[in-house]
C-alpha atoms as a PDB file:
ATOM      1  CA  MET A   1     102.830 131.623 118.925  1.00  0.00           C
ATOM      2  CA  ARG A   2     101.283 128.516 120.610  1.00  0.00           C
ATOM      3  CA  PRO A   3     103.707 125.650 121.160  1.00  0.00           C
ATOM      4  CA  ALA A   4     102.796 122.406 119.396  1.00  0.00           C
ATOM      5  CA  PRO A   5     100.521 119.950 120.809  1.00  0.00           C
ATOM      6  CA  SER A   6     102.641 116.993 121.859  1.00  0.00           C
ATOM      7  CA  ALA A   7     101.439 113.211 122.256  1.00  0.00           C
ATOM      8  CA  PRO A   8      99.841 112.340 125.118  1.00  0.00           C
ATOM      9  CA  PRO A   9     101.743 110.403 127.961  1.00  0.00           C
ATOM     10  CA  GLU A  10     102.079 106.765 127.302  1.00  0.00           C
ATOM     11  CA  ASN A  11      99.671 105.215 129.998  1.00  0.00           C
ATOM     12  CA  LEU A  12      99.424 101.784 130.203  1.00  0.00           C
ATOM     13  CA  GLY A  13      95.846 102.223 131.347  1.00  0.00           C
ATOM     14  CA  ASP A  14      94.526 103.572 128.136  1.00  0.00           C
ATOM     15  CA  PHE A  15      93.230 101.660 125.605  1.00  0.00           C
ATOM     16  CA  LEU A  16      91.070 101.545 122.402  1.00  0.00           C
ATOM     17  CA  HIS A  17      88.230  99.316 122.900  1.00  0.00           C
ATOM     18  CA  VAL A  18      86.391  98.040 119.641  1.00  0.00           C
ATOM     19  CA  ALA A  19      83.128  96.048 119.859  1.00  0.00           C
ATOM     20  CA  TRP A  20      81.319  94.230 117.231  1.00  0.00           C
ATOM     21  CA  ASP A  21      78.186  96.019 115.928  1.00  0.00           C
ATOM     22  CA  PRO A  22      75.483  93.244 114.963  1.00  0.00           C
ATOM     23  CA  ARG A  23      72.769  95.951 114.096  1.00  0.00           C
ATOM     24  CA  PRO A  24      73.647  96.634 110.320  1.00  0.00           C
ATOM     25  CA  ALA A  25      74.193  92.526 109.660  1.00  0.00           C
ATOM     26  CA  GLU A  26      70.804  92.124 111.328  1.00  0.00           C
ATOM     27  CA  ALA A  27      68.948  94.867 109.340  1.00  0.00           C
ATOM     28  CA  CYS A  28      70.477  92.967 106.214  1.00  0.00           C
ATOM     29  CA  GLN A  29      69.264  89.417 107.632  1.00  0.00           C
ATOM     30  CA  ASP A  30      65.752  91.016 108.380  1.00  0.00           C
ATOM     31  CA  LEU A  31      65.689  92.889 104.904  1.00  0.00           C
ATOM     32  CA  ALA A  32      66.743  89.689 102.941  1.00  0.00           C
ATOM     33  CA  ARG A  33      64.014  87.595 104.730  1.00  0.00           C
ATOM     34  CA  ARG A  34      61.129  89.938 104.028  1.00  0.00           C
ATOM     35  CA  ARG A  35      62.270  89.986 100.374  1.00  0.00           C
ATOM     36  CA  PHE A  36      62.257  86.276 100.451  1.00  0.00           C
ATOM     37  CA  VAL A  37      58.802  86.142 101.772  1.00  0.00           C
ATOM     38  CA  ALA A  38      57.557  88.638  99.607  1.00  0.00           C
ATOM     39  CA  ALA A  39      59.006  86.521  96.476  1.00  0.00           C
ATOM     40  CA  VAL A  40      57.310  83.131  97.958  1.00  0.00           C
ATOM     41  CA  GLY A  41      53.906  85.513  98.079  1.00  0.00           C
ATOM     42  CA  GLY A  42      54.716  86.524  94.634  1.00  0.00           C
ATOM     43  CA  LEU A  43      55.080  82.732  93.509  1.00  0.00           C
ATOM     44  CA  VAL A  44      51.703  82.011  94.939  1.00  0.00           C
ATOM     45  CA  VAL A  45      49.742  84.681  93.913  1.00  0.00           C
ATOM     46  CA  THR A  46      51.210  84.097  90.223  1.00  0.00           C
ATOM     47  CA  LEU A  47      50.014  80.083  90.849  1.00  0.00           C
ATOM     48  CA  LEU A  48      46.489  81.193  91.994  1.00  0.00           C
ATOM     49  CA  VAL A  49      45.908  83.488  88.966  1.00  0.00           C
ATOM     50  CA  TRP A  50      47.008  81.395  86.394  1.00  0.00           C
ATOM     51  CA  GLY A  51      45.561  78.136  87.721  1.00  0.00           C
ATOM     52  CA  GLY A  52      42.178  80.019  87.868  1.00  0.00           C
ATOM     53  CA  TYR A  53      42.667  81.132  84.511  1.00  0.00           C
ATOM     54  CA  TYR A  54      43.391  77.973  83.210  1.00  0.00           C
ATOM     55  CA  ALA A  55      40.302  76.415  85.088  1.00  0.00           C
ATOM     56  CA  TRP A  56      38.187  78.762  83.725  1.00  0.00           C
ATOM     57  CA  THR A  57      39.287  78.191  79.987  1.00  0.00           C
ATOM     58  CA  ARG A  58      38.642  74.512  80.510  1.00  0.00           C
ATOM     59  CA  ARG A  59      35.480  74.925  81.992  1.00  0.00           C
ATOM     60  CA  ALA A  60      34.436  77.570  79.037  1.00  0.00           C
ATOM     61  CA  GLY A  61      35.456  74.517  76.573  1.00  0.00           C
ATOM     62  CA  ASP A  62      38.825  76.640  75.472  1.00  0.00           C
ATOM     63  CA  SER A  63      41.796  74.987  74.825  1.00  0.00           C
ATOM     64  CA  TRP A  64      45.576  76.357  75.454  1.00  0.00           C
ATOM     65  CA  GLN A  65      47.001  74.082  72.702  1.00  0.00           C
ATOM     66  CA  GLY A  66      48.219  76.014  69.677  1.00  0.00           C
ATOM     67  CA  THR A  67      47.820  79.389  71.186  1.00  0.00           C
ATOM     68  CA  GLY A  68      51.137  79.715  73.167  1.00  0.00           C
ATOM     69  CA  GLN A  69      49.533  80.015  76.114  1.00  0.00           C
ATOM     70  CA  TRP A  70      51.723  77.032  77.761  1.00  0.00           C
ATOM     71  CA  GLU A  71      54.993  78.882  76.886  1.00  0.00           C
ATOM     72  CA  VAL A  72      53.942  82.275  78.306  1.00  0.00           C
ATOM     73  CA  THR A  73      52.649  80.639  81.665  1.00  0.00           C
ATOM     74  CA  GLY A  74      56.091  78.503  81.930  1.00  0.00           C
ATOM     75  CA  VAL A  75      58.357  81.983  81.425  1.00  0.00           C
ATOM     76  CA  VAL A  76      55.865  83.404  83.896  1.00  0.00           C
ATOM     77  CA  LEU A  77      56.267  80.612  86.578  1.00  0.00           C
ATOM     78  CA  GLY A  78      59.683  80.137  85.750  1.00  0.00           C
ATOM     79  CA  PHE A  79      60.749  84.081  86.446  1.00  0.00           C
ATOM     80  CA  SER A  80      58.666  83.812  89.712  1.00  0.00           C
ATOM     81  CA  LEU A  81      60.469  80.372  90.932  1.00  0.00           C
ATOM     82  CA  ALA A  82      64.112  81.774  90.212  1.00  0.00           C
ATOM     83  CA  LEU A  83      63.298  85.471  92.129  1.00  0.00           C
ATOM     84  CA  VAL A  84      62.540  83.023  95.363  1.00  0.00           C
ATOM     85  CA  VAL A  85      65.545  81.022  94.541  1.00  0.00           C
ATOM     86  CA  VAL A  86      67.523  84.176  93.894  1.00  0.00           C
ATOM     87  CA  ARG A  87      65.950  85.683  97.312  1.00  0.00           C
ATOM     88  CA  LEU A  88      66.335  82.552  99.436  1.00  0.00           C
ATOM     89  CA  VAL A  89      70.179  82.513  98.417  1.00  0.00           C
ATOM     90  CA  ILE A  90      70.824  86.021  99.165  1.00  0.00           C
ATOM     91  CA  TRP A  91      68.619  85.419 102.927  1.00  0.00           C
ATOM     92  CA  ARG A  92      70.961  82.372 103.434  1.00  0.00           C
ATOM     93  CA  LEU A  93      74.460  84.548 102.985  1.00  0.00           C
ATOM     94  CA  ALA A  94      72.748  87.262 105.020  1.00  0.00           C
ATOM     95  CA  VAL A  95      72.352  84.880 107.993  1.00  0.00           C
ATOM     96  CA  ARG A  96      75.484  83.623 107.738  1.00  0.00           C
ATOM     97  CA  HIS A  97      77.306  86.725 107.758  1.00  0.00           C
ATOM     98  CA  ARG A  98      75.571  87.678 110.796  1.00  0.00           C
ATOM     99  CA  ARG A  99      76.827  84.697 112.625  1.00  0.00           C
ATOM    100  CA  ARG A 100      80.161  85.759 111.659  1.00  0.00           C
ATOM    101  CA  VAL A 101      79.730  88.784 113.929  1.00  0.00           C
ATOM    102  CA  GLY A 102      80.254  88.324 117.342  1.00  0.00           C
ATOM    103  CA  GLU A 103      79.255  89.925 120.652  1.00  0.00           C
ATOM    104  CA  GLY A 104      81.311  91.967 122.717  1.00  0.00           C
ATOM    105  CA  GLU A 105      84.794  93.421 122.182  1.00  0.00           C
ATOM    106  CA  VAL A 106      87.204  92.148 118.932  1.00  0.00           C
ATOM    107  CA  LEU A 107      89.943  94.801 118.838  1.00  0.00           C
ATOM    108  CA  THR A 108      91.889  96.743 121.603  1.00  0.00           C
ATOM    109  CA  ALA A 109      94.895  98.806 120.586  1.00  0.00           C
ATOM    110  CA  SER A 110      96.925 100.423 123.426  1.00  0.00           C
ATOM    111  CA  TRP A 111     100.651 101.603 123.595  1.00  0.00           C
ATOM    112  CA  PRO A 112     102.103  98.462 123.869  1.00  0.00           C
ATOM    113  CA  GLY A 113     100.543  96.661 121.066  1.00  0.00           C
ATOM    114  CA  ILE A 114      97.244  95.358 119.513  1.00  0.00           C
ATOM    115  CA  GLN A 115      94.645  92.592 120.314  1.00  0.00           C
ATOM    116  CA  ILE A 116      92.182  91.105 117.586  1.00  0.00           C
ATOM    117  CA  ALA A 117      89.679  88.638 118.135  1.00  0.00           C
ATOM    118  CA  GLY A 118      91.756  87.433 121.587  1.00  0.00           C
ATOM    119  CA  ARG A 119      95.209  87.425 119.900  1.00  0.00           C
ATOM    120  CA  TYR A 120      97.564  89.913 121.165  1.00  0.00           C
ATOM    121  CA  TRP A 121     100.537  90.923 119.444  1.00  0.00           C
ATOM    122  CA  ASP A 122     103.269  94.047 120.222  1.00  0.00           C
ATOM    123  CA  TRP A 123     103.455  97.024 117.880  1.00  0.00           C
ATOM    124  CA  ASP A 124     106.937  95.959 116.353  1.00  0.00           C
ATOM    125  CA  ARG A 125     105.725  92.212 115.610  1.00  0.00           C
ATOM    126  CA  PHE A 126     102.490  93.352 114.265  1.00  0.00           C
ATOM    127  CA  ALA A 127     104.059  95.971 111.835  1.00  0.00           C
ATOM    128  CA  ALA A 128     106.620  93.508 110.849  1.00  0.00           C
ATOM    129  CA  ALA A 129     103.838  91.255 109.663  1.00  0.00           C
ATOM    130  CA  GLY A 130     101.871  93.501 107.958  1.00  0.00           C
ATOM    131  CA  GLY A 131     104.885  94.754 105.985  1.00  0.00           C
ATOM    132  CA  ALA A 132     106.497  91.484 105.076  1.00  0.00           C
ATOM    133  CA  GLY A 133     103.035  89.741 104.609  1.00  0.00           C
ATOM    134  CA  ARG A 134     101.584  92.358 102.260  1.00  0.00           C
ATOM    135  CA  ALA A 135     102.628  91.452  98.724  1.00  0.00           C
ATOM    136  CA  ALA A 136     102.113  87.637  99.705  1.00  0.00           C
ATOM    137  CA  THR A 137      98.713  88.338 100.846  1.00  0.00           C
ATOM    138  CA  ALA A 138      97.695  90.675  97.923  1.00  0.00           C
ATOM    139  CA  ALA A 139      99.284  87.723  94.781  1.00  0.00           C
ATOM    140  CA  GLY A 140      97.577  84.831  96.746  1.00  0.00           C
ATOM    141  CA  GLY A 141      94.478  86.168  98.602  1.00  0.00           C
ATOM    142  CA  ALA A 142      93.658  86.156 102.081  1.00  0.00           C
ATOM    143  CA  GLY A 143      93.604  82.269 103.162  1.00  0.00           C
ATOM    144  CA  ARG A 144      92.232  81.387 106.786  1.00  0.00           C
ATOM    145  CA  THR A 145      91.796  84.266 108.988  1.00  0.00           C
ATOM    146  CA  ALA A 146      93.941  84.590 112.267  1.00  0.00           C
ATOM    147  CA  THR A 147      91.057  82.872 114.179  1.00  0.00           C
ATOM    148  CA  ASP A 148      88.545  79.806 113.487  1.00  0.00           C
ATOM    149  CA  ASP A 149      85.901  81.509 115.054  1.00  0.00           C
ATOM    150  CA  VAL A 150      82.885  83.342 113.634  1.00  0.00           C
ATOM    151  CA  THR A 151      85.094  85.381 111.473  1.00  0.00           C
ATOM    152  CA  ALA A 152      86.996  82.667 109.916  1.00  0.00           C
ATOM    153  CA  ARG A 153      86.891  82.742 105.625  1.00  0.00           C
ATOM    154  CA  GLU A 154      88.473  81.243 103.149  1.00  0.00           C
ATOM    155  CA  ASP A 155      87.907  83.475 100.389  1.00  0.00           C
ATOM    156  CA  GLU A 156      90.613  85.018  98.263  1.00  0.00           C
ATOM    157  CA  VAL A 157      90.891  88.868  98.896  1.00  0.00           C
ATOM    158  CA  SER A 158      92.936  91.076  96.106  1.00  0.00           C
ATOM    159  CA  LEU A 159      94.251  93.894  98.313  1.00  0.00           C
ATOM    160  CA  PRO A 160      94.675  97.220  96.481  1.00  0.00           C
ATOM    161  CA  GLU A 161      97.897  98.573  95.399  1.00  0.00           C
ATOM    162  CA  SER A 162      97.545 101.602  97.645  1.00  0.00           C
ATOM    163  CA  ALA A 163      97.652  98.997 100.726  1.00  0.00           C
ATOM    164  CA  ALA A 164     101.137  98.497  99.969  1.00  0.00           C
ATOM    165  CA  ALA A 165     103.067  98.996 103.229  1.00  0.00           C
ATOM    166  CA  PRO A 166     106.887 100.009 104.059  1.00  0.00           C
ATOM    167  CA  ALA A 167     109.147  97.838 106.174  1.00  0.00           C
ATOM    168  CA  GLY A 168     108.116  98.056 109.753  1.00  0.00           C
ATOM    169  CA  GLU A 169     104.413  99.481 108.827  1.00  0.00           C
ATOM    170  CA  ALA A 170     101.192  97.708 108.898  1.00  0.00           C
ATOM    171  CA  VAL A 171      98.191  98.896 106.769  1.00  0.00           C
ATOM    172  CA  VAL A 172      94.770  97.893 107.639  1.00  0.00           C
ATOM    173  CA  ALA A 173      93.400  97.446 103.901  1.00  0.00           C
ATOM    174  CA  THR A 174      90.174  97.873 103.169  1.00  0.00           C
ATOM    175  CA  VAL A 175      88.473  96.039 100.155  1.00  0.00           C
ATOM    176  CA  ARG A 176      85.416  97.199  98.308  1.00  0.00           C
ATOM    177  CA  GLY A 177      82.428  95.249  98.285  1.00  0.00           C
ATOM    178  CA  THR A 178      81.307  92.917  95.445  1.00  0.00           C
ATOM    179  CA  ARG A 179      78.512  90.333  95.307  1.00  0.00           C
ATOM    180  CA  GLY A 180      76.179  91.640  97.845  1.00  0.00           C
ATOM    181  CA  ARG A 181      78.732  92.052 100.597  1.00  0.00           C
ATOM    182  CA  GLY A 182      80.100  95.263 102.213  1.00  0.00           C
ATOM    183  CA  ASP A 183      83.195  97.100 101.977  1.00  0.00           C
ATOM    184  CA  ARG A 184      85.402  95.380 104.772  1.00  0.00           C
ATOM    185  CA  TYR A 185      88.847  95.411 106.407  1.00  0.00           C
ATOM    186  CA  VAL A 186      91.847  93.001 105.875  1.00  0.00           C
ATOM    187  CA  VAL A 187      94.608  93.025 108.407  1.00  0.00           C
ATOM    188  CA  VAL A 188      97.577  91.072 107.869  1.00  0.00           C
ATOM    189  CA  THR A 189      99.073  89.821 111.585  1.00  0.00           C
ATOM    190  CA  PRO A 190     101.447  87.558 112.479  1.00  0.00           C
ATOM    191  CA  ASP A 191      99.403  84.701 112.756  1.00  0.00           C
ATOM    192  CA  GLY A 192      97.609  85.313 109.023  1.00  0.00           C
ATOM    193  CA  PRO A 193      95.107  87.493 107.514  1.00  0.00           C
ATOM    194  CA  TRP A 194      92.031  88.726 109.402  1.00  0.00           C
ATOM    195  CA  GLU A 195      88.967  90.285 107.955  1.00  0.00           C
ATOM    196  CA  CYS A 196      85.495  91.725 108.663  1.00  0.00           C
ATOM    197  CA  GLU A 197      82.970  94.221 107.264  1.00  0.00           C
ATOM    198  CA  VAL A 198      83.539  97.731 108.065  1.00  0.00           C
ATOM    199  CA  ASP A 199      79.733  97.976 109.365  1.00  0.00           C
ATOM    200  CA  ASP A 200      80.662  95.115 111.741  1.00  0.00           C
ATOM    201  CA  LEU A 201      82.665  97.220 114.339  1.00  0.00           C
ATOM    202  CA  GLY A 202      81.403  99.872 116.307  1.00  0.00           C
ATOM    203  CA  VAL A 203      83.907 102.599 115.095  1.00  0.00           C
ATOM    204  CA  THR A 204      84.126 104.230 111.865  1.00  0.00           C
ATOM    205  CA  PRO A 205      87.351 104.005 109.699  1.00  0.00           C
ATOM    206  CA  ALA A 206      88.520 107.579 110.334  1.00  0.00           C
ATOM    207  CA  ALA A 207      88.489 106.988 114.348  1.00  0.00           C
ATOM    208  CA  LEU A 208      90.127 103.884 113.851  1.00  0.00           C
ATOM    209  CA  ASP A 209      92.883 105.442 111.839  1.00  0.00           C
ATOM    210  CA  GLN A 210      93.563 107.823 114.254  1.00  0.00           C
ATOM    211  CA  ALA A 211      93.634 105.621 117.357  1.00  0.00           C
ATOM    212  CA  LEU A 212      96.137 102.677 115.116  1.00  0.00           C
ATOM    213  CA  ARG A 213      98.262 105.696 114.342  1.00  0.00           C
ATOM    214  CA  LEU A 214      98.473 107.260 117.662  1.00  0.00           C
ATOM    215  CA  TYR A 215      98.738 104.126 119.892  1.00  0.00           C
ATOM    216  CA  SER A 216     101.403 102.443 117.086  1.00  0.00           C
ATOM    217  CA  ARG A 217     103.346 105.791 116.847  1.00  0.00           C
ATOM    218  CA  GLY A 218     102.868 105.833 113.004  1.00  0.00           C
ATOM    219  CA  ARG A 219     103.262 102.296 112.239  1.00  0.00           C
ATOM    220  CA  CYS A 220     100.067 101.273 111.584  1.00  0.00           C
ATOM    221  CA  ARG A 221      97.313 102.898 109.487  1.00  0.00           C
ATOM    222  CA  VAL A 222      94.193 102.327 107.502  1.00  0.00           C
ATOM    223  CA  ASP A 223      93.892 102.743 103.979  1.00  0.00           C
ATOM    224  CA  PHE A 224      90.495 104.012 102.703  1.00  0.00           C
ATOM    225  CA  SER A 225      90.876 103.253  99.067  1.00  0.00           C
ATOM    226  CA  GLY A 226      88.720 100.520  99.327  1.00  0.00           C
ATOM    227  CA  ILE A 227      85.778 102.146 101.069  1.00  0.00           C
ATOM    228  CA  GLY A 228      82.742 103.002  98.473  1.00  0.00           C
ATOM    229  CA  HIS A 229      80.839 105.093 101.102  1.00  0.00           C
END
Protein backbone atom coordinates (compact mmCIF):
# COMPACT_ATOMS: atom_id res chain seq x y z
CA MET A 1 0.00 0.00 0.00
CA ARG A 2 1.12 3.50 -0.78
CA PRO A 3 1.52 5.78 2.24
CA ALA A 4 -1.09 8.49 2.61
CA PRO A 5 0.03 11.79 1.13
CA SER A 6 1.19 14.25 3.73
CA ALA A 7 0.54 17.97 3.79
CA PRO A 8 3.20 20.07 2.08
CA PRO A 9 5.76 21.78 4.29
CA GLU A 10 4.79 25.17 5.67
CA ASN A 11 6.92 27.31 3.42
CA LEU A 12 6.52 30.93 4.50
CA GLY A 13 7.26 31.99 0.95
CA ASP A 14 4.27 30.00 -0.37
CA PHE A 15 1.18 32.12 -1.06
CA LEU A 16 -2.15 32.01 -2.84
CA HIS A 17 -2.58 35.25 -4.75
CA VAL A 18 -6.09 36.09 -5.97
CA ALA A 19 -6.58 39.11 -8.22
CA TRP A 20 -9.67 40.96 -9.29
CA ASP A 21 -11.18 39.82 -12.59
CA PRO A 22 -13.03 42.82 -14.10
CA ARG A 23 -14.02 41.04 -17.31
CA PRO A 24 -17.43 39.73 -16.15
CA ALA A 25 -18.37 43.14 -14.73
CA GLU A 26 -17.26 44.86 -17.92
CA ALA A 27 -19.26 42.42 -20.05
CA CYS A 28 -22.35 43.03 -17.91
CA GLN A 29 -21.85 46.79 -18.17
CA ASP A 30 -21.48 46.67 -21.96
CA LEU A 31 -24.56 44.48 -22.34
CA ALA A 32 -26.62 46.82 -20.15
CA ARG A 33 -25.44 49.83 -22.18
CA ARG A 34 -26.37 48.18 -25.49
CA ARG A 35 -29.81 47.31 -24.17
CA PHE A 36 -30.33 50.90 -22.99
CA VAL A 37 -29.34 52.25 -26.41
CA ALA A 38 -31.71 49.75 -28.05
CA ALA A 39 -34.53 50.87 -25.75
CA VAL A 40 -33.89 54.53 -26.61
CA GLY A 41 -33.88 53.61 -30.29
CA GLY A 42 -37.17 51.78 -29.85
CA LEU A 43 -38.70 54.85 -28.18
CA VAL A 44 -37.53 57.09 -31.04
CA VAL A 45 -38.97 54.73 -33.65
CA THR A 46 -42.25 54.56 -31.74
CA LEU A 47 -42.47 58.36 -31.61
CA LEU A 48 -41.73 58.63 -35.33
CA VAL A 49 -44.29 55.97 -36.28
CA TRP A 50 -47.10 57.32 -34.14
CA GLY A 51 -46.20 60.92 -35.00
CA GLY A 52 -46.30 60.12 -38.70
CA TYR A 53 -49.59 58.28 -38.33
CA TYR A 54 -51.09 61.21 -36.44
CA ALA A 55 -49.89 63.71 -39.07
CA TRP A 56 -51.30 61.53 -41.85
CA THR A 57 -54.73 61.27 -40.21
CA ARG A 58 -54.80 65.04 -39.62
CA ARG A 59 -53.91 65.66 -43.26
CA ALA A 60 -56.68 63.29 -44.34
CA GLY A 61 -59.17 65.22 -42.23
CA ASP A 62 -59.75 62.40 -39.74
CA SER A 63 -59.88 62.90 -35.99
CA TRP A 64 -58.68 60.64 -33.22
CA GLN A 65 -61.33 61.95 -30.88
CA GLY A 66 -63.71 59.23 -29.81
CA THR A 67 -61.85 56.46 -31.62
CA GLY A 68 -59.64 55.41 -28.70
CA GLN A 69 -56.43 56.27 -30.53
CA TRP A 70 -55.19 58.57 -27.78
CA GLU A 71 -55.51 55.79 -25.20
CA VAL A 72 -53.65 53.33 -27.41
CA THR A 73 -50.95 55.89 -28.14
CA GLY A 74 -50.53 56.65 -24.45
CA VAL A 75 -50.15 52.96 -23.58
CA VAL A 76 -47.59 52.30 -26.33
CA LEU A 77 -45.52 55.38 -25.55
CA GLY A 78 -45.76 54.74 -21.81
CA PHE A 79 -44.48 51.20 -22.24
CA SER A 80 -41.57 52.36 -24.40
CA LEU A 81 -40.66 55.10 -21.92
CA ALA A 82 -40.86 52.70 -18.96
CA LEU A 83 -38.55 50.29 -20.76
CA VAL A 84 -36.02 53.10 -21.27
CA VAL A 85 -36.14 53.98 -17.57
CA VAL A 86 -35.69 50.33 -16.52
CA ARG A 87 -32.77 49.84 -18.92
CA LEU A 88 -31.17 53.04 -17.63
CA VAL A 89 -31.41 51.89 -14.00
CA ILE A 90 -29.91 48.49 -14.88
CA TRP A 91 -27.09 50.18 -16.77
CA ARG A 92 -26.29 52.50 -13.87
CA LEU A 93 -26.22 49.55 -11.47
CA ALA A 94 -23.84 47.72 -13.80
CA VAL A 95 -21.59 50.79 -13.95
CA ARG A 96 -21.58 51.05 -10.16
CA HIS A 97 -20.72 47.37 -9.86
CA ARG A 98 -17.81 47.76 -12.29
CA ARG A 99 -16.45 50.64 -10.22
CA ARG A 100 -16.45 48.41 -7.13
CA VAL A 101 -14.22 45.88 -8.87
CA GLY A 102 -10.64 46.91 -8.22
CA GLU A 103 -7.38 46.23 -9.99
CA GLY A 104 -4.60 43.85 -9.03
CA GLU A 105 -4.44 41.56 -6.05
CA VAL A 106 -7.30 41.49 -3.53
CA LEU A 107 -6.79 38.32 -1.47
CA THR A 108 -3.63 36.57 -0.31
CA ALA A 109 -3.64 33.36 1.74
CA SER A 110 -0.51 31.92 3.29
CA TRP A 111 0.46 29.61 6.14
CA PRO A 112 0.62 32.42 8.74
CA GLY A 113 -2.66 34.11 7.82
CA ILE A 114 -4.85 35.84 5.25
CA GLN A 115 -4.93 39.30 3.72
CA ILE A 116 -8.09 40.77 2.17
CA ALA A 117 -8.23 44.17 0.47
CA GLY A 118 -4.99 45.26 2.11
CA ARG A 119 -5.76 44.08 5.68
CA TYR A 120 -4.01 41.11 7.26
CA TRP A 121 -5.03 38.75 10.10
CA ASP A 122 -3.45 35.54 11.36
CA TRP A 123 -5.60 32.43 11.05
CA ASP A 124 -6.44 32.18 14.75
CA ARG A 125 -7.83 35.70 14.86
CA PHE A 126 -9.57 35.36 11.51
CA ALA A 127 -11.24 32.06 12.44
CA ALA A 128 -12.29 33.36 15.85
CA ALA A 129 -13.94 36.41 14.29
CA GLY A 130 -15.71 34.27 11.70
CA GLY A 131 -17.19 31.91 14.26
CA ALA A 132 -18.19 34.64 16.71
CA GLY A 133 -19.66 37.01 14.15
CA ARG A 134 -21.68 34.51 12.12
CA ALA A 135 -24.87 34.63 14.14
CA ALA A 136 -24.81 38.42 14.47
CA THR A 137 -24.26 38.86 10.74
CA ALA A 138 -27.06 36.48 9.82
CA ALA A 139 -29.47 38.29 12.13
CA GLY A 140 -28.53 41.88 11.44
CA GLY A 141 -27.06 41.98 7.94
CA ALA A 142 -23.56 42.57 6.72
CA GLY A 143 -23.42 46.28 7.56
CA ARG A 144 -20.29 47.97 6.31
CA THR A 145 -17.53 45.92 4.84
CA ALA A 146 -14.02 45.61 6.17
CA THR A 147 -12.76 48.33 3.86
CA ASP A 148 -14.10 51.65 2.63
CA ASP A 149 -12.74 51.25 -0.89
CA VAL A 150 -14.56 50.16 -4.05
CA THR A 151 -16.07 47.12 -2.32
CA ALA A 152 -17.74 49.06 0.51
CA ARG A 153 -21.49 48.39 0.87
CA GLU A 154 -24.28 48.88 3.38
CA ASP A 155 -26.69 46.27 2.01
CA GLU A 156 -28.21 43.83 4.44
CA VAL A 157 -27.17 40.23 3.83
CA SER A 158 -29.05 37.20 5.05
CA LEU A 159 -26.58 34.36 5.36
CA PRO A 160 -27.66 30.75 4.80
CA GLU A 161 -27.97 28.46 7.81
CA SER A 162 -25.43 26.10 6.24
CA ALA A 163 -22.83 28.84 6.64
CA ALA A 164 -22.90 28.52 10.43
CA ALA A 165 -19.41 27.93 11.76
CA PRO A 166 -18.32 26.23 14.98
CA ALA A 167 -15.98 28.00 17.35
CA GLY A 168 -12.54 28.46 15.86
CA GLU A 169 -13.65 28.00 12.24
CA ALA A 170 -14.33 30.67 9.64
CA VAL A 171 -16.74 30.13 6.77
CA VAL A 172 -16.67 32.13 3.55
CA ALA A 173 -20.41 32.23 2.96
CA THR A 174 -21.97 32.43 -0.48
CA VAL A 175 -25.23 34.27 -1.09
CA ARG A 176 -27.35 33.62 -4.16
CA GLY A 177 -27.69 36.61 -6.46
CA THR A 178 -30.94 38.59 -6.58
CA ARG A 179 -32.29 41.64 -8.38
CA GLY A 180 -29.71 41.61 -11.12
CA ARG A 181 -26.79 40.88 -8.80
CA GLY A 182 -24.64 37.80 -9.13
CA ASP A 183 -23.76 35.24 -6.46
CA ARG A 184 -21.37 36.73 -3.93
CA TYR A 185 -18.98 35.86 -1.14
CA VAL A 186 -19.55 37.24 2.37
CA VAL A 187 -16.58 37.01 4.73
CA VAL A 188 -16.77 37.92 8.42
CA THR A 189 -13.37 39.39 9.29
CA PRO A 190 -12.09 40.85 12.57
CA ASP A 191 -12.72 44.31 11.08
CA GLY A 192 -16.26 43.56 9.92
CA PRO A 193 -17.96 41.78 7.02
CA TRP A 194 -16.47 42.04 3.53
CA GLU A 195 -18.16 40.94 0.32
CA CYS A 196 -17.69 40.72 -3.43
CA GLU A 197 -19.34 38.87 -6.28
CA VAL A 198 -18.03 35.39 -7.04
CA ASP A 199 -17.28 36.25 -10.67
CA ASP A 200 -15.21 39.29 -9.63
CA LEU A 201 -12.35 37.10 -8.36
CA GLY A 202 -9.90 35.38 -10.66
CA VAL A 203 -10.30 31.98 -8.96
CA THR A 204 -13.03 29.36 -8.90
CA PRO A 205 -14.94 28.72 -5.64
CA ALA A 206 -13.61 25.14 -5.52
CA ALA A 207 -10.00 26.25 -5.90
CA LEU A 208 -10.48 28.96 -3.27
CA ASP A 209 -12.00 26.43 -0.87
CA GLN A 210 -9.12 23.99 -1.28
CA ALA A 211 -6.51 26.70 -0.78
CA LEU A 212 -8.19 28.16 2.31
CA ARG A 213 -8.58 24.72 3.89
CA LEU A 214 -4.93 23.94 3.20
CA TYR A 215 -3.34 27.18 4.39
CA SER A 216 -5.61 27.53 7.43
CA ARG A 217 -5.17 23.85 8.40
CA GLY A 218 -8.93 23.32 8.27
CA ARG A 219 -9.92 26.52 10.07
CA CYS A 220 -11.44 28.21 7.04
CA ARG A 221 -13.60 26.90 4.22
CA VAL A 222 -16.05 28.04 1.55
CA ASP A 223 -19.75 27.26 1.85
CA PHE A 224 -21.15 26.47 -1.63
CA SER A 225 -24.87 26.45 -0.78
CA GLY A 226 -25.47 29.97 -2.09
CA ILE A 227 -23.90 29.47 -5.51
CA GLY A 228 -26.52 29.14 -8.22
CA HIS A 229 -24.22 27.99 -11.03
